[in-house]
mmCIF file of all heavy atoms, coordinates in Angstrom:
data_MODEL
# 
_entry.id   MODEL 
# 
loop_
_atom_site.group_PDB 
_atom_site.id 
_atom_site.type_symbol 
_atom_site.label_atom_id 
_atom_site.label_alt_id 
_atom_site.label_comp_id 
_atom_site.label_asym_id 
_atom_site.label_entity_id 
_atom_site.label_seq_id 
_atom_site.pdbx_PDB_ins_code 
_atom_site.Cartn_x 
_atom_site.Cartn_y 
_atom_site.Cartn_z 
_atom_site.occupancy 
_atom_site.B_iso_or_equiv 
_atom_site.pdbx_formal_charge 
_atom_site.auth_seq_id 
_atom_site.auth_comp_id 
_atom_site.auth_asym_id 
_atom_site.auth_atom_id 
_atom_site.pdbx_PDB_model_num 
ATOM 1   N N   . PRO A 1 1  ? 69.877 94.872  174.133 1.00 0.00 ? 1  PRO A N   1 
ATOM 2   C CA  . PRO A 1 1  ? 70.543 96.036  173.519 1.00 0.00 ? 1  PRO A CA  1 
ATOM 3   C C   . PRO A 1 1  ? 69.517 97.083  173.105 1.00 0.00 ? 1  PRO A C   1 
ATOM 4   O O   . PRO A 1 1  ? 68.454 96.754  172.575 1.00 0.00 ? 1  PRO A O   1 
ATOM 5   C CB  . PRO A 1 1  ? 71.242 95.426  172.305 1.00 0.00 ? 1  PRO A CB  1 
ATOM 6   C CG  . PRO A 1 1  ? 71.512 94.010  172.708 1.00 0.00 ? 1  PRO A CG  1 
ATOM 7   C CD  . PRO A 1 1  ? 70.321 93.600  173.527 1.00 0.00 ? 1  PRO A CD  1 
ATOM 8   N N   . GLY A 1 2  ? 69.858 98.335  173.397 1.00 0.00 ? 2  GLY A N   1 
ATOM 9   C CA  . GLY A 1 2  ? 68.940 99.434  173.127 1.00 0.00 ? 2  GLY A CA  1 
ATOM 10  C C   . GLY A 1 2  ? 68.031 99.762  174.280 1.00 0.00 ? 2  GLY A C   1 
ATOM 11  O O   . GLY A 1 2  ? 67.344 100.796 174.262 1.00 0.00 ? 2  GLY A O   1 
ATOM 12  N N   . GLY A 1 3  ? 68.023 98.924  175.284 1.00 0.00 ? 3  GLY A N   1 
ATOM 13  C CA  . GLY A 1 3  ? 67.166 99.127  176.442 1.00 0.00 ? 3  GLY A CA  1 
ATOM 14  C C   . GLY A 1 3  ? 67.753 100.092 177.451 1.00 0.00 ? 3  GLY A C   1 
ATOM 15  O O   . GLY A 1 3  ? 68.823 100.680 177.230 1.00 0.00 ? 3  GLY A O   1 
ATOM 16  N N   . SER A 1 4  ? 67.043 100.232 178.559 1.00 0.00 ? 4  SER A N   1 
ATOM 17  C CA  . SER A 1 4  ? 67.441 101.182 179.601 1.00 0.00 ? 4  SER A CA  1 
ATOM 18  C C   . SER A 1 4  ? 67.446 100.507 180.971 1.00 0.00 ? 4  SER A C   1 
ATOM 19  O O   . SER A 1 4  ? 66.677 99.570  181.226 1.00 0.00 ? 4  SER A O   1 
ATOM 20  C CB  . SER A 1 4  ? 66.475 102.369 179.645 1.00 0.00 ? 4  SER A CB  1 
ATOM 21  O OG  . SER A 1 4  ? 66.478 103.090 178.437 1.00 0.00 ? 4  SER A OG  1 
ATOM 22  N N   . LEU A 1 5  ? 68.301 101.016 181.829 1.00 0.00 ? 5  LEU A N   1 
ATOM 23  C CA  . LEU A 1 5  ? 68.341 100.615 183.233 1.00 0.00 ? 5  LEU A CA  1 
ATOM 24  C C   . LEU A 1 5  ? 68.684 101.833 184.063 1.00 0.00 ? 5  LEU A C   1 
ATOM 25  O O   . LEU A 1 5  ? 69.314 102.777 183.570 1.00 0.00 ? 5  LEU A O   1 
ATOM 26  C CB  . LEU A 1 5  ? 69.392 99.530  183.475 1.00 0.00 ? 5  LEU A CB  1 
ATOM 27  C CG  . LEU A 1 5  ? 69.073 98.100  183.076 1.00 0.00 ? 5  LEU A CG  1 
ATOM 28  C CD1 . LEU A 1 5  ? 70.300 97.218  183.287 1.00 0.00 ? 5  LEU A CD1 1 
ATOM 29  C CD2 . LEU A 1 5  ? 67.892 97.559  183.874 1.00 0.00 ? 5  LEU A CD2 1 
ATOM 30  N N   . SER A 1 6  ? 68.294 101.773 185.325 1.00 0.00 ? 6  SER A N   1 
ATOM 31  C CA  . SER A 1 6  ? 68.634 102.857 186.235 1.00 0.00 ? 6  SER A CA  1 
ATOM 32  C C   . SER A 1 6  ? 69.279 102.284 187.481 1.00 0.00 ? 6  SER A C   1 
ATOM 33  O O   . SER A 1 6  ? 68.777 101.321 188.066 1.00 0.00 ? 6  SER A O   1 
ATOM 34  C CB  . SER A 1 6  ? 67.372 103.634 186.619 1.00 0.00 ? 6  SER A CB  1 
ATOM 35  O OG  . SER A 1 6  ? 67.679 104.689 187.499 1.00 0.00 ? 6  SER A OG  1 
ATOM 36  N N   . LEU A 1 7  ? 70.395 102.859 187.860 1.00 0.00 ? 7  LEU A N   1 
ATOM 37  C CA  . LEU A 1 7  ? 71.095 102.479 189.084 1.00 0.00 ? 7  LEU A CA  1 
ATOM 38  C C   . LEU A 1 7  ? 70.965 103.602 190.112 1.00 0.00 ? 7  LEU A C   1 
ATOM 39  O O   . LEU A 1 7  ? 70.904 104.776 189.744 1.00 0.00 ? 7  LEU A O   1 
ATOM 40  C CB  . LEU A 1 7  ? 72.578 102.229 188.809 1.00 0.00 ? 7  LEU A CB  1 
ATOM 41  C CG  . LEU A 1 7  ? 72.940 101.244 187.712 1.00 0.00 ? 7  LEU A CG  1 
ATOM 42  C CD1 . LEU A 1 7  ? 74.465 101.131 187.593 1.00 0.00 ? 7  LEU A CD1 1 
ATOM 43  C CD2 . LEU A 1 7  ? 72.329 99.886  187.974 1.00 0.00 ? 7  LEU A CD2 1 
ATOM 44  N N   . SER A 1 8  ? 70.924 103.214 191.360 1.00 0.00 ? 8  SER A N   1 
ATOM 45  C CA  . SER A 1 8  ? 70.943 104.221 192.410 1.00 0.00 ? 8  SER A CA  1 
ATOM 46  C C   . SER A 1 8  ? 71.947 103.815 193.485 1.00 0.00 ? 8  SER A C   1 
ATOM 47  O O   . SER A 1 8  ? 72.234 102.631 193.667 1.00 0.00 ? 8  SER A O   1 
ATOM 48  C CB  . SER A 1 8  ? 69.565 104.421 193.028 1.00 0.00 ? 8  SER A CB  1 
ATOM 49  O OG  . SER A 1 8  ? 69.120 103.242 193.671 1.00 0.00 ? 8  SER A OG  1 
ATOM 50  N N   . CYS A 1 9  ? 72.450 104.801 194.170 1.00 0.00 ? 9  CYS A N   1 
ATOM 51  C CA  . CYS A 1 9  ? 73.458 104.574 195.214 1.00 0.00 ? 9  CYS A CA  1 
ATOM 52  C C   . CYS A 1 9  ? 73.175 105.535 196.361 1.00 0.00 ? 9  CYS A C   1 
ATOM 53  O O   . CYS A 1 9  ? 73.157 106.749 196.152 1.00 0.00 ? 9  CYS A O   1 
ATOM 54  C CB  . CYS A 1 9  ? 74.850 104.811 194.646 1.00 0.00 ? 9  CYS A CB  1 
ATOM 55  S SG  . CYS A 1 9  ? 76.172 104.799 195.872 1.00 0.00 ? 9  CYS A SG  1 
ATOM 56  N N   . THR A 1 10 ? 72.985 104.968 197.540 1.00 0.00 ? 10 THR A N   1 
ATOM 57  C CA  . THR A 1 10 ? 72.684 105.777 198.715 1.00 0.00 ? 10 THR A CA  1 
ATOM 58  C C   . THR A 1 10 ? 73.762 105.559 199.767 1.00 0.00 ? 10 THR A C   1 
ATOM 59  O O   . THR A 1 10 ? 74.155 104.415 200.031 1.00 0.00 ? 10 THR A O   1 
ATOM 60  C CB  . THR A 1 10 ? 71.319 105.398 199.301 1.00 0.00 ? 10 THR A CB  1 
ATOM 61  O OG1 . THR A 1 10 ? 70.303 105.629 198.320 1.00 0.00 ? 10 THR A OG1 1 
ATOM 62  C CG2 . THR A 1 10 ? 71.009 106.232 200.538 1.00 0.00 ? 10 THR A CG2 1 
ATOM 63  N N   . VAL A 1 11 ? 74.228 106.637 200.343 1.00 0.00 ? 11 VAL A N   1 
ATOM 64  C CA  . VAL A 1 11 ? 75.246 106.555 201.386 1.00 0.00 ? 11 VAL A CA  1 
ATOM 65  C C   . VAL A 1 11 ? 74.637 106.971 202.718 1.00 0.00 ? 11 VAL A C   1 
ATOM 66  O O   . VAL A 1 11 ? 73.825 107.892 202.778 1.00 0.00 ? 11 VAL A O   1 
ATOM 67  C CB  . VAL A 1 11 ? 76.471 107.430 201.047 1.00 0.00 ? 11 VAL A CB  1 
ATOM 68  C CG1 . VAL A 1 11 ? 76.080 108.880 200.900 1.00 0.00 ? 11 VAL A CG1 1 
ATOM 69  C CG2 . VAL A 1 11 ? 77.557 107.280 202.097 1.00 0.00 ? 11 VAL A CG2 1 
ATOM 70  N N   . SER A 1 12 ? 75.039 106.258 203.768 1.00 0.00 ? 12 SER A N   1 
ATOM 71  C CA  . SER A 1 12 ? 74.584 106.585 205.112 1.00 0.00 ? 12 SER A CA  1 
ATOM 72  C C   . SER A 1 12 ? 75.733 106.386 206.083 1.00 0.00 ? 12 SER A C   1 
ATOM 73  O O   . SER A 1 12 ? 76.732 105.736 205.763 1.00 0.00 ? 12 SER A O   1 
ATOM 74  C CB  . SER A 1 12 ? 73.400 105.704 205.509 1.00 0.00 ? 12 SER A CB  1 
ATOM 75  O OG  . SER A 1 12 ? 73.761 104.339 205.485 1.00 0.00 ? 12 SER A OG  1 
ATOM 76  N N   . GLY A 1 13 ? 75.579 106.957 207.263 1.00 0.00 ? 13 GLY A N   1 
ATOM 77  C CA  . GLY A 1 13 ? 76.558 106.736 208.312 1.00 0.00 ? 13 GLY A CA  1 
ATOM 78  C C   . GLY A 1 13 ? 77.757 107.658 208.288 1.00 0.00 ? 13 GLY A C   1 
ATOM 79  O O   . GLY A 1 13 ? 78.713 107.445 209.039 1.00 0.00 ? 13 GLY A O   1 
ATOM 80  N N   . THR A 1 14 ? 77.729 108.684 207.450 1.00 0.00 ? 14 THR A N   1 
ATOM 81  C CA  . THR A 1 14 ? 78.852 109.617 207.447 1.00 0.00 ? 14 THR A CA  1 
ATOM 82  C C   . THR A 1 14 ? 78.362 111.003 207.814 1.00 0.00 ? 14 THR A C   1 
ATOM 83  O O   . THR A 1 14 ? 77.289 111.437 207.357 1.00 0.00 ? 14 THR A O   1 
ATOM 84  C CB  . THR A 1 14 ? 79.573 109.652 206.097 1.00 0.00 ? 14 THR A CB  1 
ATOM 85  O OG1 . THR A 1 14 ? 80.622 110.644 206.152 1.00 0.00 ? 14 THR A OG1 1 
ATOM 86  C CG2 . THR A 1 14 ? 78.634 110.029 204.965 1.00 0.00 ? 14 THR A CG2 1 
ATOM 87  N N   . ARG A 1 15 ? 79.140 111.668 208.646 1.00 0.00 ? 15 ARG A N   1 
ATOM 88  C CA  . ARG A 1 15 ? 78.817 113.041 209.036 1.00 0.00 ? 15 ARG A CA  1 
ATOM 89  C C   . ARG A 1 15 ? 79.586 114.039 208.189 1.00 0.00 ? 15 ARG A C   1 
ATOM 90  O O   . ARG A 1 15 ? 79.408 115.241 208.338 1.00 0.00 ? 15 ARG A O   1 
ATOM 91  C CB  . ARG A 1 15 ? 79.154 113.246 210.507 1.00 0.00 ? 15 ARG A CB  1 
ATOM 92  C CG  . ARG A 1 15 ? 78.348 112.363 211.459 1.00 0.00 ? 15 ARG A CG  1 
ATOM 93  C CD  . ARG A 1 15 ? 78.713 112.631 212.906 1.00 0.00 ? 15 ARG A CD  1 
ATOM 94  N NE  . ARG A 1 15 ? 80.074 112.218 213.213 1.00 0.00 ? 15 ARG A NE  1 
ATOM 95  C CZ  . ARG A 1 15 ? 81.071 113.056 213.460 1.00 0.00 ? 15 ARG A CZ  1 
ATOM 96  N NH1 . ARG A 1 15 ? 80.873 114.356 213.402 1.00 0.00 ? 15 ARG A NH1 1 
ATOM 97  N NH2 . ARG A 1 15 ? 82.267 112.603 213.754 1.00 0.00 ? 15 ARG A NH2 1 
ATOM 98  N N   . PHE A 1 16 ? 80.448 113.540 207.342 1.00 0.00 ? 16 PHE A N   1 
ATOM 99  C CA  . PHE A 1 16 ? 81.329 114.413 206.601 1.00 0.00 ? 16 PHE A CA  1 
ATOM 100 C C   . PHE A 1 16 ? 80.776 114.705 205.217 1.00 0.00 ? 16 PHE A C   1 
ATOM 101 O O   . PHE A 1 16 ? 80.096 113.888 204.609 1.00 0.00 ? 16 PHE A O   1 
ATOM 102 C CB  . PHE A 1 16 ? 82.720 113.782 206.495 1.00 0.00 ? 16 PHE A CB  1 
ATOM 103 C CG  . PHE A 1 16 ? 83.367 113.597 207.831 1.00 0.00 ? 16 PHE A CG  1 
ATOM 104 C CD1 . PHE A 1 16 ? 83.309 112.369 208.468 1.00 0.00 ? 16 PHE A CD1 1 
ATOM 105 C CD2 . PHE A 1 16 ? 83.995 114.650 208.460 1.00 0.00 ? 16 PHE A CD2 1 
ATOM 106 C CE1 . PHE A 1 16 ? 83.879 112.192 209.712 1.00 0.00 ? 16 PHE A CE1 1 
ATOM 107 C CE2 . PHE A 1 16 ? 84.570 114.484 209.700 1.00 0.00 ? 16 PHE A CE2 1 
ATOM 108 C CZ  . PHE A 1 16 ? 84.519 113.252 210.334 1.00 0.00 ? 16 PHE A CZ  1 
ATOM 109 N N   . ARG A 1 17 ? 81.121 115.876 204.742 1.00 0.00 ? 17 ARG A N   1 
ATOM 110 C CA  . ARG A 1 17 ? 80.614 116.310 203.452 1.00 0.00 ? 17 ARG A CA  1 
ATOM 111 C C   . ARG A 1 17 ? 81.121 115.403 202.344 1.00 0.00 ? 17 ARG A C   1 
ATOM 112 O O   . ARG A 1 17 ? 82.289 115.024 202.323 1.00 0.00 ? 17 ARG A O   1 
ATOM 113 C CB  . ARG A 1 17 ? 81.044 117.745 203.195 1.00 0.00 ? 17 ARG A CB  1 
ATOM 114 C CG  . ARG A 1 17 ? 80.414 118.381 201.964 1.00 0.00 ? 17 ARG A CG  1 
ATOM 115 C CD  . ARG A 1 17 ? 80.739 119.873 201.922 1.00 0.00 ? 17 ARG A CD  1 
ATOM 116 N NE  . ARG A 1 17 ? 82.152 120.124 201.687 1.00 0.00 ? 17 ARG A NE  1 
ATOM 117 C CZ  . ARG A 1 17 ? 82.657 120.327 200.470 1.00 0.00 ? 17 ARG A CZ  1 
ATOM 118 N NH1 . ARG A 1 17 ? 81.892 120.263 199.419 1.00 0.00 ? 17 ARG A NH1 1 
ATOM 119 N NH2 . ARG A 1 17 ? 83.950 120.565 200.341 1.00 0.00 ? 17 ARG A NH2 1 
ATOM 120 N N   . LEU A 1 18 ? 80.240 115.070 201.431 1.00 0.00 ? 18 LEU A N   1 
ATOM 121 C CA  . LEU A 1 18 ? 80.627 114.270 200.278 1.00 0.00 ? 18 LEU A CA  1 
ATOM 122 C C   . LEU A 1 18 ? 81.255 115.190 199.243 1.00 0.00 ? 18 LEU A C   1 
ATOM 123 O O   . LEU A 1 18 ? 80.649 116.175 198.844 1.00 0.00 ? 18 LEU A O   1 
ATOM 124 C CB  . LEU A 1 18 ? 79.405 113.562 199.690 1.00 0.00 ? 18 LEU A CB  1 
ATOM 125 C CG  . LEU A 1 18 ? 78.575 112.733 200.660 1.00 0.00 ? 18 LEU A CG  1 
ATOM 126 C CD1 . LEU A 1 18 ? 77.431 112.053 199.922 1.00 0.00 ? 18 LEU A CD1 1 
ATOM 127 C CD2 . LEU A 1 18 ? 79.433 111.695 201.363 1.00 0.00 ? 18 LEU A CD2 1 
ATOM 128 N N   . THR A 1 19 ? 82.450 114.859 198.825 1.00 0.00 ? 19 THR A N   1 
ATOM 129 C CA  . THR A 1 19 ? 83.120 115.695 197.836 1.00 0.00 ? 19 THR A CA  1 
ATOM 130 C C   . THR A 1 19 ? 82.788 115.250 196.411 1.00 0.00 ? 19 THR A C   1 
ATOM 131 O O   . THR A 1 19 ? 82.840 116.059 195.486 1.00 0.00 ? 19 THR A O   1 
ATOM 132 C CB  . THR A 1 19 ? 84.637 115.662 198.037 1.00 0.00 ? 19 THR A CB  1 
ATOM 133 O OG1 . THR A 1 19 ? 85.090 114.307 197.980 1.00 0.00 ? 19 THR A OG1 1 
ATOM 134 C CG2 . THR A 1 19 ? 85.012 116.255 199.401 1.00 0.00 ? 19 THR A CG2 1 
ATOM 135 N N   . ALA A 1 20 ? 82.463 113.983 196.248 1.00 0.00 ? 20 ALA A N   1 
ATOM 136 C CA  . ALA A 1 20 ? 82.093 113.476 194.928 1.00 0.00 ? 20 ALA A CA  1 
ATOM 137 C C   . ALA A 1 20 ? 81.377 112.140 195.076 1.00 0.00 ? 20 ALA A C   1 
ATOM 138 O O   . ALA A 1 20 ? 81.571 111.417 196.054 1.00 0.00 ? 20 ALA A O   1 
ATOM 139 C CB  . ALA A 1 20 ? 83.316 113.310 194.031 1.00 0.00 ? 20 ALA A CB  1 
ATOM 140 N N   . MET A 1 21 ? 80.530 111.853 194.111 1.00 0.00 ? 21 MET A N   1 
ATOM 141 C CA  . MET A 1 21 ? 79.863 110.548 194.024 1.00 0.00 ? 21 MET A CA  1 
ATOM 142 C C   . MET A 1 21 ? 80.082 110.044 192.604 1.00 0.00 ? 21 MET A C   1 
ATOM 143 O O   . MET A 1 21 ? 79.852 110.789 191.641 1.00 0.00 ? 21 MET A O   1 
ATOM 144 C CB  . MET A 1 21 ? 78.375 110.677 194.350 1.00 0.00 ? 21 MET A CB  1 
ATOM 145 C CG  . MET A 1 21 ? 78.102 111.297 195.718 1.00 0.00 ? 21 MET A CG  1 
ATOM 146 S SD  . MET A 1 21 ? 76.348 111.551 196.066 1.00 0.00 ? 21 MET A SD  1 
ATOM 147 C CE  . MET A 1 21 ? 75.851 109.891 196.553 1.00 0.00 ? 21 MET A CE  1 
ATOM 148 N N   . SER A 1 22 ? 80.537 108.812 192.500 1.00 0.00 ? 22 SER A N   1 
ATOM 149 C CA  . SER A 1 22 ? 80.978 108.302 191.200 1.00 0.00 ? 22 SER A CA  1 
ATOM 150 C C   . SER A 1 22 ? 80.437 106.899 190.941 1.00 0.00 ? 22 SER A C   1 
ATOM 151 O O   . SER A 1 22 ? 80.168 106.141 191.876 1.00 0.00 ? 22 SER A O   1 
ATOM 152 C CB  . SER A 1 22 ? 82.503 108.231 191.142 1.00 0.00 ? 22 SER A CB  1 
ATOM 153 O OG  . SER A 1 22 ? 83.110 109.438 191.551 1.00 0.00 ? 22 SER A OG  1 
ATOM 154 N N   . TRP A 1 23 ? 80.338 106.570 189.664 1.00 0.00 ? 23 TRP A N   1 
ATOM 155 C CA  . TRP A 1 23 ? 80.055 105.204 189.223 1.00 0.00 ? 23 TRP A CA  1 
ATOM 156 C C   . TRP A 1 23 ? 81.245 104.711 188.415 1.00 0.00 ? 23 TRP A C   1 
ATOM 157 O O   . TRP A 1 23 ? 81.723 105.413 187.508 1.00 0.00 ? 23 TRP A O   1 
ATOM 158 C CB  . TRP A 1 23 ? 78.798 105.140 188.375 1.00 0.00 ? 23 TRP A CB  1 
ATOM 159 C CG  . TRP A 1 23 ? 77.535 105.235 189.167 1.00 0.00 ? 23 TRP A CG  1 
ATOM 160 C CD1 . TRP A 1 23 ? 76.772 106.348 189.363 1.00 0.00 ? 23 TRP A CD1 1 
ATOM 161 C CD2 . TRP A 1 23 ? 76.888 104.167 189.879 1.00 0.00 ? 23 TRP A CD2 1 
ATOM 162 N NE1 . TRP A 1 23 ? 75.681 106.042 190.150 1.00 0.00 ? 23 TRP A NE1 1 
ATOM 163 C CE2 . TRP A 1 23 ? 75.732 104.709 190.478 1.00 0.00 ? 23 TRP A CE2 1 
ATOM 164 C CE3 . TRP A 1 23 ? 77.163 102.824 190.055 1.00 0.00 ? 23 TRP A CE3 1 
ATOM 165 C CZ2 . TRP A 1 23 ? 74.862 103.932 191.248 1.00 0.00 ? 23 TRP A CZ2 1 
ATOM 166 C CZ3 . TRP A 1 23 ? 76.293 102.055 190.823 1.00 0.00 ? 23 TRP A CZ3 1 
ATOM 167 C CH2 . TRP A 1 23 ? 75.164 102.611 191.403 1.00 0.00 ? 23 TRP A CH2 1 
ATOM 168 N N   . TYR A 1 24 ? 81.715 103.537 188.766 1.00 0.00 ? 24 TYR A N   1 
ATOM 169 C CA  . TYR A 1 24 ? 82.751 102.832 188.026 1.00 0.00 ? 24 TYR A CA  1 
ATOM 170 C C   . TYR A 1 24 ? 82.138 101.539 187.492 1.00 0.00 ? 24 TYR A C   1 
ATOM 171 O O   . TYR A 1 24 ? 81.081 101.099 187.944 1.00 0.00 ? 24 TYR A O   1 
ATOM 172 C CB  . TYR A 1 24 ? 83.929 102.466 188.932 1.00 0.00 ? 24 TYR A CB  1 
ATOM 173 C CG  . TYR A 1 24 ? 84.816 103.615 189.313 1.00 0.00 ? 24 TYR A CG  1 
ATOM 174 C CD1 . TYR A 1 24 ? 84.400 104.595 190.214 1.00 0.00 ? 24 TYR A CD1 1 
ATOM 175 C CD2 . TYR A 1 24 ? 86.112 103.728 188.793 1.00 0.00 ? 24 TYR A CD2 1 
ATOM 176 C CE1 . TYR A 1 24 ? 85.228 105.647 190.569 1.00 0.00 ? 24 TYR A CE1 1 
ATOM 177 C CE2 . TYR A 1 24 ? 86.951 104.773 189.141 1.00 0.00 ? 24 TYR A CE2 1 
ATOM 178 C CZ  . TYR A 1 24 ? 86.498 105.723 190.032 1.00 0.00 ? 24 TYR A CZ  1 
ATOM 179 O OH  . TYR A 1 24 ? 87.327 106.765 190.389 1.00 0.00 ? 24 TYR A OH  1 
# 
């Protein structure tokens, strides 16, 4: 508790524009 973490998310394989990127 009180600490930090970092998440990352990379998308590949799509030619279409990304309208949003979300974390759930």
